[in-house]
Amino acid sequence: MATPVNRVPQPTRAQAAAWELGAFLRHVDYLLLLATGGLVAYGLWLLDAVTRNDVPGDPDYYVVRQLTYVAVGGLLLALASAVDLDVYRRVRVPLYGLALALLISVFVFAEEVRGSKRWIELGFFNFQPSELGKIVLVVVLAGFVADRRQRLGEWRTTLGVVGIAIPLMVLVFKEPDFGTTLIYGAIVVGALFFGGAPWRHLAVLAVVAGLTATALLWFLPSAGLEVLEPYQRERLIGFVDPDIDPSGSTYNVNQSITAVGSGGLDGRGVANATQTKFNYLPEHSTDFIFSSLSEQRGFLGASILLLLYAVIVWRGIKIVAVARDLYSAIVAGTVVFALLVQLFINVGMTIGIAPVTGIPLPLVSYGGSSLLTTLILIGLLEAIHVRGRLAGAR
């Protein structure tokens, strides 16, 4: 009589799915999520304070719309966390083509707003393709660099990265959107740096960027060729000489500096924040929302905000260290670097140490495209963290 074989029962699909979900949830970076949620909540609280007088009869107009973006962005963050980064790596060429097509479509379908064509109106939502382009450029350049890990010391690899980015950067620059163009440049630098490109390559690129800026500001205009829009030149000249036109090109930054300085240690409160309340400070819900925060809540309120950003940067750097492969590490590092540059430019322009570029404060400024893009980028960081930890546990 044959001895019966003891078979190990196989888990059902439901049990396997539950185990995978449990493993996923155990390896989520909850500190990163808490810091992100804290920033979003802080931004909503601030937005409520600075916009309550902006729409007569509807003090919650901006907050309600931003809450809708937050809900959608939270869902997109969760979806981005659940998708393996290898999916983006495999489809990066179609993604690049899509981003290119959308940026070209701006010049066809977008309406001009204050001299710029940046947004395509989709009913309730004004879609800004240049924000989506940030995500695409990160995954595309990371894939290009990771595929050439053995040739990172060659100039053709570095020039290939620059060549991929230039068409997108030129289209964004021509919208015109100088601030987002700078973020695209930061993505290029981040992909090369975290990919391991030689320092001499980065130094040469920095020199070329400096010479290009000099040509745009002085050499080409002297030759009768104006590349920058008049208001862009005025902003850059105003950055060098803030007193050149106090009631014109430097009005915004002067009012911003006044708002930041008047906040003192703990702020003037909502009722006494005259720069924001009486609309002396333009764009106080978007570009200059940090100035409004500093006026209303002072140094302490601004410090809390910057501390939350510091936590996100810290966790992002930790995620670079646990990434399972070079591609994931480049994506994580580039995302963190781009967010840090955007934060520096926005805060810097409000206190006069960076030129005014119209760039939003990540996760805080009012606006759907920027908020959704940043939450998706946080989702990419979570995806890298979870899979890096799972790979390390095996």
Protein backbone atom coordinates (compact mmCIF):
# COMPACT_ATOMS: atom_id res chain seq x y z
CA MET A 1 0.00 0.00 0.00
CA ALA A 2 1.46 3.36 -1.09
CA THR A 3 2.32 5.89 1.58
CA PRO A 4 0.18 9.00 1.17
CA VAL A 5 2.13 12.13 0.25
CA ASN A 6 1.54 15.13 2.47
CA ARG A 7 0.92 18.05 0.11
CA VAL A 8 1.51 21.60 1.24
CA PRO A 9 -1.68 23.51 0.57
CA GLN A 10 -1.19 26.24 -2.01
CA PRO A 11 -2.46 29.69 -1.12
CA THR A 12 -5.51 30.89 -2.94
CA ARG A 13 -5.39 33.96 -5.15
CA ALA A 14 -7.06 35.98 -2.43
CA GLN A 15 -4.50 34.83 0.14
CA ALA A 16 -1.59 35.59 -2.22
CA ALA A 17 -2.99 39.04 -2.98
CA ALA A 18 -3.48 39.73 0.73
CA TRP A 19 0.12 38.68 1.45
CA GLU A 20 1.46 40.93 -1.33
CA LEU A 21 -0.62 43.86 -0.09
CA GLY A 22 0.59 43.29 3.46
CA ALA A 23 4.22 43.17 2.31
CA PHE A 24 3.67 46.35 0.28
CA LEU A 25 2.13 48.22 3.22
CA ARG A 26 4.89 47.10 5.59
CA HIS A 27 7.53 48.72 3.37
CA VAL A 28 5.81 52.03 2.65
CA ASP A 29 7.81 55.05 3.79
CA TYR A 30 5.23 56.45 6.19
CA LEU A 31 7.44 59.35 7.24
CA LEU A 32 7.51 60.53 3.64
CA LEU A 33 3.73 60.19 3.43
CA LEU A 34 3.24 62.07 6.71
CA ALA A 35 5.50 64.92 5.61
CA THR A 36 3.72 65.12 2.25
CA GLY A 37 0.30 65.06 3.89
CA GLY A 38 1.47 67.67 6.38
CA LEU A 39 2.59 69.99 3.60
CA VAL A 40 -0.67 69.56 1.69
CA ALA A 41 -2.72 70.24 4.84
CA TYR A 42 -0.52 73.22 5.71
CA GLY A 43 -1.02 74.55 2.19
CA LEU A 44 -4.80 74.21 2.43
CA TRP A 45 -4.84 76.00 5.79
CA LEU A 46 -2.68 78.78 4.36
CA LEU A 47 -4.73 79.00 1.17
CA ASP A 48 -7.88 79.46 3.23
CA ALA A 49 -6.27 82.35 5.08
CA VAL A 50 -4.84 84.20 2.08
CA THR A 51 -7.78 83.85 -0.33
CA ARG A 52 -10.83 84.40 1.89
CA ASN A 53 -11.25 87.94 0.48
CA ASP A 54 -10.32 87.16 -3.13
CA VAL A 55 -13.76 86.08 -4.41
CA PRO A 56 -16.58 88.24 -3.02
CA GLY A 57 -19.36 86.11 -1.60
CA ASP A 58 -17.38 82.86 -1.91
CA PRO A 59 -14.51 82.75 0.63
CA ASP A 60 -13.99 79.00 0.08
CA TYR A 61 -13.68 79.16 -3.71
CA TYR A 62 -9.98 78.36 -3.94
CA VAL A 63 -9.92 75.89 -1.04
CA VAL A 64 -12.77 73.78 -2.45
CA ARG A 65 -11.08 73.55 -5.83
CA GLN A 66 -7.73 72.73 -4.25
CA LEU A 67 -9.38 70.00 -2.15
CA THR A 68 -10.60 68.41 -5.37
CA TYR A 69 -7.07 68.42 -6.73
CA VAL A 70 -5.81 66.93 -3.47
CA ALA A 71 -8.31 64.06 -3.69
CA VAL A 72 -7.34 63.27 -7.28
CA GLY A 73 -3.65 63.70 -6.45
CA GLY A 74 -3.89 61.28 -3.54
CA LEU A 75 -5.33 58.65 -5.86
CA LEU A 76 -2.58 59.27 -8.42
CA LEU A 77 0.06 59.00 -5.67
CA ALA A 78 -1.34 55.60 -4.67
CA LEU A 79 -1.40 54.41 -8.29
CA ALA A 80 2.15 55.62 -8.91
CA SER A 81 3.29 53.78 -5.77
CA ALA A 82 1.70 50.55 -7.01
CA VAL A 83 3.33 50.58 -10.45
CA ASP A 84 6.77 49.05 -10.83
CA LEU A 85 9.24 51.56 -12.29
CA ASP A 86 10.28 49.05 -14.93
CA VAL A 87 6.94 49.77 -16.63
CA TYR A 88 7.98 53.39 -17.22
CA ARG A 89 11.37 52.24 -18.38
CA ARG A 90 9.86 49.99 -21.03
CA VAL A 91 7.47 52.62 -22.38
CA ARG A 92 9.71 55.67 -22.04
CA VAL A 93 9.92 56.28 -25.80
CA PRO A 94 6.12 56.53 -26.25
CA LEU A 95 5.97 58.66 -23.09
CA TYR A 96 8.54 61.03 -24.55
CA GLY A 97 6.56 61.25 -27.78
CA LEU A 98 3.39 62.00 -25.82
CA ALA A 99 5.08 64.77 -23.82
CA LEU A 100 6.49 66.28 -27.02
CA ALA A 101 3.08 66.19 -28.71
CA LEU A 102 1.34 67.78 -25.71
CA LEU A 103 3.89 70.59 -25.51
CA ILE A 104 3.44 71.29 -29.21
CA SER A 105 -0.34 71.25 -28.80
CA VAL A 106 -0.07 74.13 -26.33
CA PHE A 107 0.78 76.48 -29.19
CA VAL A 108 -2.30 75.28 -31.10
CA PHE A 109 -5.02 74.93 -28.47
CA ALA A 110 -3.98 77.05 -25.47
CA GLU A 111 -5.32 80.54 -24.99
CA GLU A 112 -2.84 83.30 -24.27
CA VAL A 113 -2.94 84.43 -20.65
CA ARG A 114 -0.78 87.42 -19.68
CA GLY A 115 1.52 86.86 -22.62
CA SER A 116 1.96 83.10 -22.10
CA LYS A 117 0.49 79.96 -23.60
CA ARG A 118 0.83 77.26 -20.94
CA TRP A 119 -2.60 75.82 -20.12
CA ILE A 120 -5.07 73.74 -22.12
CA GLU A 121 -8.57 74.19 -20.78
CA LEU A 122 -10.32 70.91 -19.98
CA GLY A 123 -13.59 72.13 -18.49
CA PHE A 124 -13.09 72.30 -14.72
CA PHE A 125 -9.34 71.81 -15.01
CA ASN A 126 -6.64 73.82 -16.75
CA PHE A 127 -4.02 71.26 -17.77
CA GLN A 128 -0.39 72.38 -17.98
CA PRO A 129 1.57 69.91 -20.17
CA SER A 130 4.94 71.24 -19.00
CA GLU A 131 4.19 69.81 -15.53
CA LEU A 132 3.60 66.35 -16.97
CA GLY A 133 6.82 66.82 -18.91
CA LYS A 134 8.76 66.85 -15.64
CA ILE A 135 7.71 63.29 -14.86
CA VAL A 136 8.38 62.10 -18.39
CA LEU A 137 11.80 63.72 -18.54
CA VAL A 138 12.82 62.11 -15.24
CA VAL A 139 11.94 58.55 -16.30
CA VAL A 140 13.26 58.99 -19.85
CA LEU A 141 16.65 60.40 -18.86
CA ALA A 142 17.04 57.86 -16.03
CA GLY A 143 16.44 55.03 -18.50
CA PHE A 144 18.88 56.49 -21.02
CA VAL A 145 21.64 56.88 -18.42
CA ALA A 146 21.04 53.48 -16.78
CA ASP A 147 21.24 51.73 -20.15
CA ARG A 148 24.68 53.29 -20.69
CA ARG A 149 26.15 52.68 -17.25
CA GLN A 150 29.37 51.38 -18.80
CA ARG A 151 29.76 54.51 -20.95
CA LEU A 152 29.02 57.27 -18.48
CA GLY A 153 32.53 58.66 -18.86
CA GLU A 154 31.99 59.28 -22.57
CA TRP A 155 30.87 62.64 -23.86
CA ARG A 156 28.35 61.10 -26.22
CA THR A 157 26.37 59.83 -23.23
CA THR A 158 26.29 63.27 -21.59
CA LEU A 159 25.46 64.95 -24.89
CA GLY A 160 22.76 62.35 -25.50
CA VAL A 161 21.08 63.30 -22.22
CA VAL A 162 21.23 66.98 -23.16
CA GLY A 163 19.97 66.21 -26.66
CA ILE A 164 16.92 64.39 -25.33
CA ALA A 165 16.04 67.26 -23.00
CA ILE A 166 16.59 70.18 -25.40
CA PRO A 167 13.42 69.77 -27.54
CA LEU A 168 11.22 69.77 -24.42
CA MET A 169 13.15 72.64 -22.86
CA VAL A 170 12.91 74.77 -26.00
CA LEU A 171 9.15 74.24 -26.27
CA VAL A 172 8.62 75.16 -22.61
CA PHE A 173 10.92 78.17 -22.94
CA LYS A 174 8.91 79.42 -25.93
CA GLU A 175 5.56 79.29 -24.07
CA PRO A 176 7.28 81.26 -22.39
CA ASP A 177 7.92 79.54 -19.04
CA PHE A 178 11.44 80.28 -17.90
CA GLY A 179 10.91 78.82 -14.42
CA THR A 180 9.86 75.38 -15.61
CA THR A 181 12.72 75.44 -18.13
CA LEU A 182 15.08 75.81 -15.16
CA ILE A 183 13.48 72.77 -13.50
CA TYR A 184 14.00 70.77 -16.69
CA GLY A 185 17.65 71.82 -16.53
CA ALA A 186 17.79 70.61 -12.92
CA ILE A 187 16.40 67.25 -14.05
CA VAL A 188 19.20 66.97 -16.62
CA VAL A 189 21.82 67.72 -13.96
CA GLY A 190 20.21 65.32 -11.50
CA ALA A 191 20.10 62.44 -13.99
CA LEU A 192 23.77 62.92 -14.88
CA PHE A 193 24.93 63.39 -11.29
CA PHE A 194 23.09 60.42 -9.80
CA GLY A 195 23.97 58.34 -12.85
CA GLY A 196 27.66 58.91 -12.14
CA ALA A 197 28.68 61.31 -14.92
CA PRO A 198 32.20 62.77 -14.49
CA TRP A 199 32.48 66.09 -12.68
CA ARG A 200 34.25 67.66 -15.65
CA HIS A 201 31.17 67.02 -17.80
CA LEU A 202 28.94 68.76 -15.26
CA ALA A 203 31.40 71.65 -14.98
CA VAL A 204 31.46 72.15 -18.75
CA LEU A 205 27.66 72.08 -18.89
CA ALA A 206 27.56 74.72 -16.13
CA VAL A 207 29.91 76.96 -18.11
CA VAL A 208 27.83 76.49 -21.27
CA ALA A 209 24.64 77.33 -19.34
CA GLY A 210 26.28 80.49 -18.00
CA LEU A 211 27.43 81.56 -21.46
CA THR A 212 23.96 80.87 -22.86
CA ALA A 213 22.35 83.04 -20.18
CA THR A 214 24.84 85.82 -20.89
CA ALA A 215 24.09 85.62 -24.60
CA LEU A 216 20.34 85.75 -24.00
CA LEU A 217 20.63 88.76 -21.71
CA TRP A 218 23.32 90.85 -23.35
CA PHE A 219 25.10 89.60 -26.49
CA LEU A 220 22.07 88.74 -28.63
CA PRO A 221 20.01 91.84 -27.64
CA SER A 222 23.07 94.00 -28.41
CA ALA A 223 23.08 92.47 -31.88
CA GLY A 224 19.38 93.28 -32.32
CA LEU A 225 18.11 89.75 -31.67
CA GLU A 226 15.66 89.61 -28.77
CA VAL A 227 15.12 86.04 -27.53
CA LEU A 228 13.55 86.79 -24.17
CA GLU A 229 10.17 88.44 -23.80
CA PRO A 230 10.42 92.07 -22.59
CA TYR A 231 8.95 91.22 -19.18
CA GLN A 232 11.46 88.37 -18.76
CA ARG A 233 14.38 90.70 -19.42
CA GLU A 234 12.91 93.24 -17.03
CA ARG A 235 12.61 90.61 -14.30
CA LEU A 236 16.21 89.51 -14.70
CA ILE A 237 17.51 93.07 -14.81
CA GLY A 238 15.34 93.88 -11.81
CA PHE A 239 16.92 90.98 -9.94
CA VAL A 240 20.36 92.52 -10.49
CA ASP A 241 19.10 96.02 -9.62
CA PRO A 242 15.94 95.81 -7.42
CA ASP A 243 15.56 99.62 -7.28
CA ILE A 244 15.52 100.17 -11.02
CA ASP A 245 11.69 100.27 -11.34
CA PRO A 246 9.93 99.99 -7.94
CA SER A 247 6.45 100.60 -9.38
CA GLY A 248 6.94 98.38 -12.42
CA SER A 249 9.22 95.41 -13.06
CA THR A 250 10.42 95.11 -9.44
CA TYR A 251 7.08 95.88 -7.78
CA ASN A 252 6.24 92.23 -7.05
CA VAL A 253 9.53 91.34 -5.43
CA ASN A 254 9.65 94.57 -3.41
CA GLN A 255 6.16 93.94 -2.05
CA SER A 256 7.15 90.34 -1.34
CA ILE A 257 10.24 91.36 0.62
CA THR A 258 8.10 93.84 2.58
CA ALA A 259 5.59 91.09 3.40
CA VAL A 260 8.27 88.64 4.52
CA GLY A 261 10.05 91.24 6.65
CA SER A 262 6.88 92.52 8.30
CA GLY A 263 6.01 89.07 9.65
CA GLY A 264 8.70 89.15 12.32
CA LEU A 265 8.96 86.17 14.63
CA ASP A 266 5.35 84.99 14.89
CA GLY A 267 3.56 86.96 12.19
CA ARG A 268 0.93 89.67 12.04
CA GLY A 269 -2.05 87.31 11.89
CA VAL A 270 -4.63 87.12 9.14
CA ALA A 271 -6.49 90.32 10.02
CA ASN A 272 -3.37 92.52 10.21
CA ALA A 273 -1.48 91.09 7.22
CA THR A 274 -2.09 94.17 5.07
CA GLN A 275 0.16 93.17 2.17
CA THR A 276 -1.97 90.07 1.57
CA LYS A 277 -5.33 91.35 2.82
CA PHE A 278 -5.38 94.46 0.64
CA ASN A 279 -3.79 92.72 -2.35
CA TYR A 280 -0.60 94.76 -2.37
CA LEU A 281 1.16 91.42 -2.83
CA PRO A 282 0.25 90.02 -6.28
CA GLU A 283 -0.18 86.29 -6.88
CA HIS A 284 -0.37 85.67 -3.12
CA SER A 285 -2.07 82.29 -3.62
CA THR A 286 0.41 80.97 -6.19
CA ASP A 287 3.91 82.33 -6.86
CA PHE A 288 4.17 84.42 -3.68
CA ILE A 289 2.27 82.25 -1.22
CA PHE A 290 5.44 81.88 0.87
CA SER A 291 5.47 85.67 1.31
CA SER A 292 1.88 85.58 2.58
CA LEU A 293 2.76 82.79 5.00
CA SER A 294 5.74 84.75 6.31
CA GLU A 295 3.62 87.88 6.77
CA GLN A 296 0.77 86.10 8.55
CA ARG A 297 2.70 83.50 10.58
CA GLY A 298 6.21 84.93 10.68
CA PHE A 299 9.51 83.12 10.99
CA LEU A 300 7.98 80.32 13.05
CA GLY A 301 5.30 79.55 10.46
CA ALA A 302 7.83 79.60 7.61
CA SER A 303 10.18 77.36 9.61
CA ILE A 304 7.49 74.72 10.06
CA LEU A 305 6.94 74.71 6.31
CA LEU A 306 10.64 74.39 5.52
CA LEU A 307 11.03 71.65 8.14
CA LEU A 308 8.38 69.57 6.36
CA TYR A 309 10.26 70.02 3.09
CA ALA A 310 13.47 68.98 4.85
CA VAL A 311 11.82 65.72 5.93
CA ILE A 312 10.80 64.99 2.33
CA VAL A 313 14.34 65.67 1.10
CA TRP A 314 15.82 63.51 3.87
CA ARG A 315 13.52 60.59 3.11
CA GLY A 316 14.17 61.00 -0.61
CA ILE A 317 17.92 60.72 -0.06
CA LYS A 318 17.33 57.61 2.06
CA ILE A 319 15.28 56.15 -0.80
CA VAL A 320 18.19 56.66 -3.20
CA ALA A 321 20.28 54.50 -0.87
CA VAL A 322 17.78 51.61 -0.77
CA ALA A 323 16.90 51.62 -4.49
CA ARG A 324 17.14 48.14 -5.98
CA ASP A 325 18.98 49.21 -9.16
CA LEU A 326 20.70 52.14 -10.86
CA TYR A 327 17.60 53.18 -12.78
CA SER A 328 15.52 53.50 -9.61
CA ALA A 329 18.33 55.36 -7.83
CA ILE A 330 18.61 57.88 -10.67
CA VAL A 331 14.85 58.46 -10.69
CA ALA A 332 14.74 58.97 -6.91
CA GLY A 333 17.77 61.26 -6.82
CA THR A 334 16.56 63.34 -9.76
CA VAL A 335 13.08 63.77 -8.25
CA VAL A 336 14.55 64.97 -4.95
CA PHE A 337 17.00 67.33 -6.65
CA ALA A 338 14.32 68.83 -8.93
CA LEU A 339 11.97 69.42 -5.97
CA LEU A 340 14.80 71.02 -3.99
CA VAL A 341 15.68 73.35 -6.86
CA GLN A 342 12.02 74.33 -7.31
CA LEU A 343 11.74 75.06 -3.58
CA PHE A 344 14.91 77.16 -3.62
CA ILE A 345 13.80 79.19 -6.65
CA ASN A 346 10.33 79.89 -5.28
CA VAL A 347 11.45 80.85 -1.77
CA GLY A 348 14.48 82.64 -3.17
CA MET A 349 12.46 84.89 -5.44
CA THR A 350 10.18 85.93 -2.54
CA ILE A 351 13.16 87.24 -0.57
CA GLY A 352 15.13 88.64 -3.49
CA ILE A 353 17.93 86.09 -3.84
CA ALA A 354 16.55 84.53 -7.05
CA PRO A 355 14.87 86.14 -10.07
CA VAL A 356 11.08 86.08 -10.33
CA THR A 357 10.18 83.19 -12.63
CA GLY A 358 6.55 82.41 -11.84
CA ILE A 359 7.30 79.00 -10.40
CA PRO A 360 4.92 77.52 -7.77
CA LEU A 361 5.77 76.34 -4.28
CA PRO A 362 5.50 72.52 -4.41
CA LEU A 363 2.40 71.05 -2.68
CA VAL A 364 1.41 74.46 -1.30
CA SER A 365 0.70 76.92 -4.12
CA TYR A 366 -2.81 76.92 -5.58
CA GLY A 367 -3.05 75.03 -8.86
CA GLY A 368 -3.96 71.58 -10.07
CA SER A 369 -1.20 70.67 -12.51
CA SER A 370 1.67 71.42 -10.14
CA LEU A 371 0.01 69.67 -7.19
CA LEU A 372 -0.87 66.54 -9.17
CA THR A 373 2.62 66.33 -10.69
CA THR A 374 4.34 66.65 -7.33
CA LEU A 375 2.12 63.99 -5.73
CA ILE A 376 2.87 61.61 -8.62
CA LEU A 377 6.60 62.22 -8.09
CA ILE A 378 6.15 61.38 -4.39
CA GLY A 379 4.38 58.21 -5.56
CA LEU A 380 7.43 57.31 -7.64
CA LEU A 381 9.60 57.68 -4.54
CA GLU A 382 7.28 55.37 -2.61
CA ALA A 383 7.35 52.80 -5.42
CA ILE A 384 11.16 52.82 -5.33
CA HIS A 385 11.25 52.52 -1.53
CA VAL A 386 8.80 49.61 -1.36
CA ARG A 387 10.51 47.57 -4.08
CA GLY A 388 13.96 48.34 -2.76
CA ARG A 389 12.97 47.09 0.69
CA LEU A 390 11.27 44.02 -0.75
CA ALA A 391 14.38 43.20 -2.81
CA GLY A 392 16.56 43.60 0.28
CA ALA A 393 14.30 41.31 2.32
CA ARG A 394 14.63 38.39 -0.08
